[in-house]
Amino acid sequence: GVLLRQTLMALGVGLYATMIQAQPDLKQGEALYERHCSACHGEQGDGRGEAERYLFPKARDFTAGVFKFRSTPSGAPPTDEDLYRTARYGVAGTSMPSFARLSDGELESVIAHVKSFSDIFEDEDAWESPIRIGRPPEPSARSIARGAAIYQDLECDRCHGDKGRGDGPSAEKLTNDWDQPIRPYDLTRGPR
């Protein structure tokens, strides 16, 4: 069912596919989560850890089943590779550190534990294939003009600003799903 589907999805997306274990160590995952994650994400995965008051942005509430860093469409759960990438490399500009010091097996175990906090990972109807993003086109006057037109049509400037610096007219009013303030990324800084 769900495990097979997740495994097949992961096999199609590269790096992580070569590291999948048949059965992650759930006890190990729980212990590692308690040691490395619960201070921010809470013992129950609800984002209400002891460090909550010190974090901006706030830690992810895993129980809600809403994940920001994913390759899947909105509303779909992230792939195991998405969760792996976030844990392995952290999230620049937030309190989410890199857990590169953990082995692949340890990360797989933590991921299995994180997934236990939300029913979205059990809902086969919620699963969707990752969105594939191809190589960017070579810069040319035409591609730059087309990108600028799309940027305006999609109103990216409302949040990111007309120069992409994260200072658009809506930037100060943006909130996440839990009404916590968020900042649009400064696109002039390049990829994260």
Protein backbone atom coordinates (compact mmCIF):
# COMPACT_ATOMS: atom_id res chain seq x y z
CA GLY A 1 0.00 0.00 0.00
CA VAL A 2 1.40 3.30 1.19
CA LEU A 3 4.92 2.02 1.91
CA LEU A 4 5.21 0.48 -1.55
CA ARG A 5 3.90 3.65 -3.21
CA GLN A 6 6.34 5.84 -1.23
CA THR A 7 9.19 3.52 -2.10
CA LEU A 8 8.32 3.64 -5.80
CA MET A 9 8.08 7.44 -5.68
CA ALA A 10 11.46 7.64 -3.99
CA LEU A 11 13.02 5.30 -6.54
CA GLY A 12 12.05 7.72 -9.26
CA VAL A 13 13.66 10.77 -7.72
CA GLY A 14 17.35 9.95 -7.52
CA LEU A 15 19.81 10.32 -4.67
CA TYR A 16 17.67 9.11 -1.82
CA ALA A 17 16.48 6.12 -3.81
CA THR A 18 19.77 4.30 -3.37
CA MET A 19 19.58 4.60 0.42
CA ILE A 20 16.09 3.28 1.19
CA GLN A 21 15.89 0.65 3.89
CA ALA A 22 13.12 -1.92 3.76
CA GLN A 23 12.17 -1.22 7.38
CA PRO A 24 13.43 1.84 9.26
CA ASP A 25 14.19 1.27 12.94
CA LEU A 26 11.15 2.90 14.57
CA LYS A 27 12.53 2.75 18.11
CA GLN A 28 15.74 4.36 16.94
CA GLY A 29 13.72 7.02 15.10
CA GLU A 30 11.72 7.85 18.20
CA ALA A 31 14.87 8.10 20.34
CA LEU A 32 16.67 10.28 17.78
CA TYR A 33 13.60 12.49 17.39
CA GLU A 34 13.44 12.95 21.17
CA ARG A 35 17.14 13.83 21.29
CA HIS A 36 17.43 16.08 18.23
CA CYS A 37 13.95 17.31 17.25
CA SER A 38 11.54 17.49 20.18
CA ALA A 39 12.99 20.68 21.69
CA CYS A 40 11.65 22.58 18.69
CA HIS A 41 8.95 20.34 17.17
CA GLY A 42 7.56 19.08 20.50
CA GLU A 43 7.28 15.58 21.91
CA GLN A 44 3.95 15.15 20.10
CA GLY A 45 5.24 16.69 16.84
CA ASP A 46 2.92 19.68 17.25
CA GLY A 47 5.60 22.38 16.98
CA ARG A 48 5.33 23.19 20.67
CA GLY A 49 8.73 22.21 21.96
CA GLU A 50 10.55 23.84 24.85
CA ALA A 51 12.36 26.18 22.44
CA GLU A 52 9.12 27.34 20.77
CA ARG A 53 9.22 30.87 22.16
CA TYR A 54 12.73 31.44 20.76
CA LEU A 55 12.06 30.35 17.19
CA PHE A 56 11.25 32.48 14.17
CA PRO A 57 9.76 31.18 12.09
CA LYS A 58 8.11 28.67 14.38
CA ALA A 59 8.93 24.97 14.08
CA ARG A 60 6.74 22.89 11.76
CA ASP A 61 3.66 21.26 13.32
CA PHE A 62 3.94 17.75 11.90
CA THR A 63 0.47 16.78 13.19
CA ALA A 64 -1.17 19.16 10.69
CA GLY A 65 0.29 17.25 7.74
CA VAL A 66 1.29 20.50 6.02
CA PHE A 67 4.88 20.60 4.78
CA LYS A 68 6.50 23.58 3.09
CA PHE A 69 9.58 21.97 1.53
CA ARG A 70 8.33 19.30 -0.83
CA SER A 71 8.42 18.35 -4.47
CA THR A 72 4.73 17.38 -4.52
CA PRO A 73 1.72 19.60 -5.29
CA SER A 74 0.05 21.66 -2.55
CA GLY A 75 -2.00 19.52 -0.19
CA ALA A 76 -0.03 16.35 -0.97
CA PRO A 77 2.37 14.89 1.57
CA PRO A 78 6.08 15.25 0.88
CA THR A 79 8.09 12.32 -0.39
CA ASP A 80 10.58 10.61 1.89
CA GLU A 81 13.29 12.24 -0.21
CA ASP A 82 11.81 15.68 0.54
CA LEU A 83 11.89 14.98 4.28
CA TYR A 84 15.39 13.53 3.97
CA ARG A 85 16.66 16.62 2.12
CA THR A 86 15.21 18.97 4.74
CA ALA A 87 16.69 17.00 7.65
CA ARG A 88 20.05 16.37 5.97
CA TYR A 89 20.67 19.97 4.84
CA GLY A 90 18.48 22.08 7.14
CA VAL A 91 16.67 25.23 6.03
CA ALA A 92 18.66 28.42 5.52
CA GLY A 93 17.24 31.45 7.27
CA THR A 94 15.41 29.39 9.92
CA SER A 95 16.26 27.55 13.12
CA MET A 96 16.18 24.21 11.27
CA PRO A 97 19.79 22.97 11.34
CA SER A 98 21.46 20.41 9.16
CA PHE A 99 21.55 16.89 10.57
CA ALA A 100 24.35 15.81 8.25
CA ARG A 101 26.03 14.19 11.26
CA LEU A 102 23.33 11.50 11.32
CA SER A 103 23.72 8.48 9.09
CA ASP A 104 21.29 7.80 6.25
CA GLY A 105 19.76 4.95 8.28
CA GLU A 106 19.31 7.19 11.30
CA LEU A 107 17.63 9.86 9.15
CA GLU A 108 15.32 7.25 7.62
CA SER A 109 14.32 6.20 11.13
CA VAL A 110 13.63 9.79 12.18
CA ILE A 111 11.60 10.35 8.99
CA ALA A 112 9.49 7.28 9.79
CA HIS A 113 8.82 8.72 13.25
CA VAL A 114 7.97 12.18 11.89
CA LYS A 115 5.49 10.59 9.49
CA SER A 116 3.76 8.87 12.43
CA PHE A 117 2.49 12.26 13.67
CA SER A 118 0.07 12.81 10.75
CA ASP A 119 -2.56 10.66 9.09
CA ILE A 120 -1.81 12.31 5.72
CA PHE A 121 0.90 9.72 5.13
CA GLU A 122 -1.69 6.94 5.45
CA ASP A 123 -4.18 8.58 3.06
CA GLU A 124 -3.48 7.01 -0.33
CA ASP A 125 -5.82 9.54 -1.99
CA ALA A 126 -3.58 12.40 -0.80
CA TRP A 127 -0.47 11.08 -2.55
CA GLU A 128 0.59 12.74 -5.77
CA SER A 129 3.69 12.35 -7.87
CA PRO A 130 6.47 14.88 -7.41
CA ILE A 131 6.52 17.82 -9.77
CA ARG A 132 9.51 17.56 -12.05
CA ILE A 133 11.34 20.77 -12.71
CA GLY A 134 13.63 20.59 -15.69
CA ARG A 135 16.80 22.45 -16.35
CA PRO A 136 16.37 26.20 -16.59
CA PRO A 137 16.58 27.65 -20.08
CA GLU A 138 19.77 29.35 -21.18
CA PRO A 139 19.54 33.07 -20.44
CA SER A 140 18.64 35.10 -23.49
CA ALA A 141 16.84 38.35 -24.10
CA ARG A 142 13.75 36.34 -25.03
CA SER A 143 13.82 34.03 -21.96
CA ILE A 144 14.44 36.98 -19.63
CA ALA A 145 11.54 38.94 -21.14
CA ARG A 146 9.29 35.87 -20.89
CA GLY A 147 10.29 35.35 -17.25
CA ALA A 148 9.61 39.02 -16.45
CA ALA A 149 6.14 38.76 -18.03
CA ILE A 150 5.33 35.60 -16.04
CA TYR A 151 6.65 37.27 -12.85
CA GLN A 152 4.19 40.14 -13.42
CA ASP A 153 1.28 37.93 -14.55
CA LEU A 154 1.57 35.74 -11.45
CA GLU A 155 1.98 38.84 -9.27
CA CYS A 156 5.24 37.60 -7.78
CA ASP A 157 6.12 41.24 -7.18
CA ARG A 158 3.32 41.55 -4.59
CA CYS A 159 5.51 39.61 -2.15
CA HIS A 160 9.00 39.49 -3.65
CA GLY A 161 8.99 43.11 -4.90
CA ASP A 162 9.64 44.49 -8.35
CA LYS A 163 13.39 43.86 -7.96
CA GLY A 164 12.96 40.46 -6.22
CA ARG A 165 14.30 41.60 -2.85
CA GLY A 166 11.42 40.27 -0.74
CA ASP A 167 10.08 43.78 -0.16
CA GLY A 168 6.81 43.81 -2.11
CA PRO A 169 3.70 45.60 -0.81
CA SER A 170 2.30 42.38 0.71
CA ALA A 171 5.60 41.28 2.29
CA GLU A 172 4.89 42.69 5.74
CA LYS A 173 1.41 41.11 5.92
CA LEU A 174 2.23 37.54 4.92
CA THR A 175 1.39 34.73 7.30
CA ASN A 176 1.60 30.95 7.14
CA ASP A 177 -1.20 28.43 7.74
CA TRP A 178 -1.02 29.17 11.48
CA ASP A 179 -1.16 32.98 11.11
CA GLN A 180 2.52 33.33 11.99
CA PRO A 181 4.38 36.05 10.09
CA ILE A 182 6.62 34.90 7.24
CA ARG A 183 9.02 36.74 4.98
CA PRO A 184 9.21 36.25 1.22
CA TYR A 185 12.60 35.13 0.03
CA ASP A 186 15.03 37.72 -1.34
CA LEU A 187 15.52 36.27 -4.82
CA THR A 188 18.61 38.40 -5.39
CA ARG A 189 20.45 36.13 -2.92
CA GLY A 190 20.26 33.23 -5.38
CA PRO A 191 19.21 29.68 -4.62
CA ARG A 192 19.20 28.55 -1.01
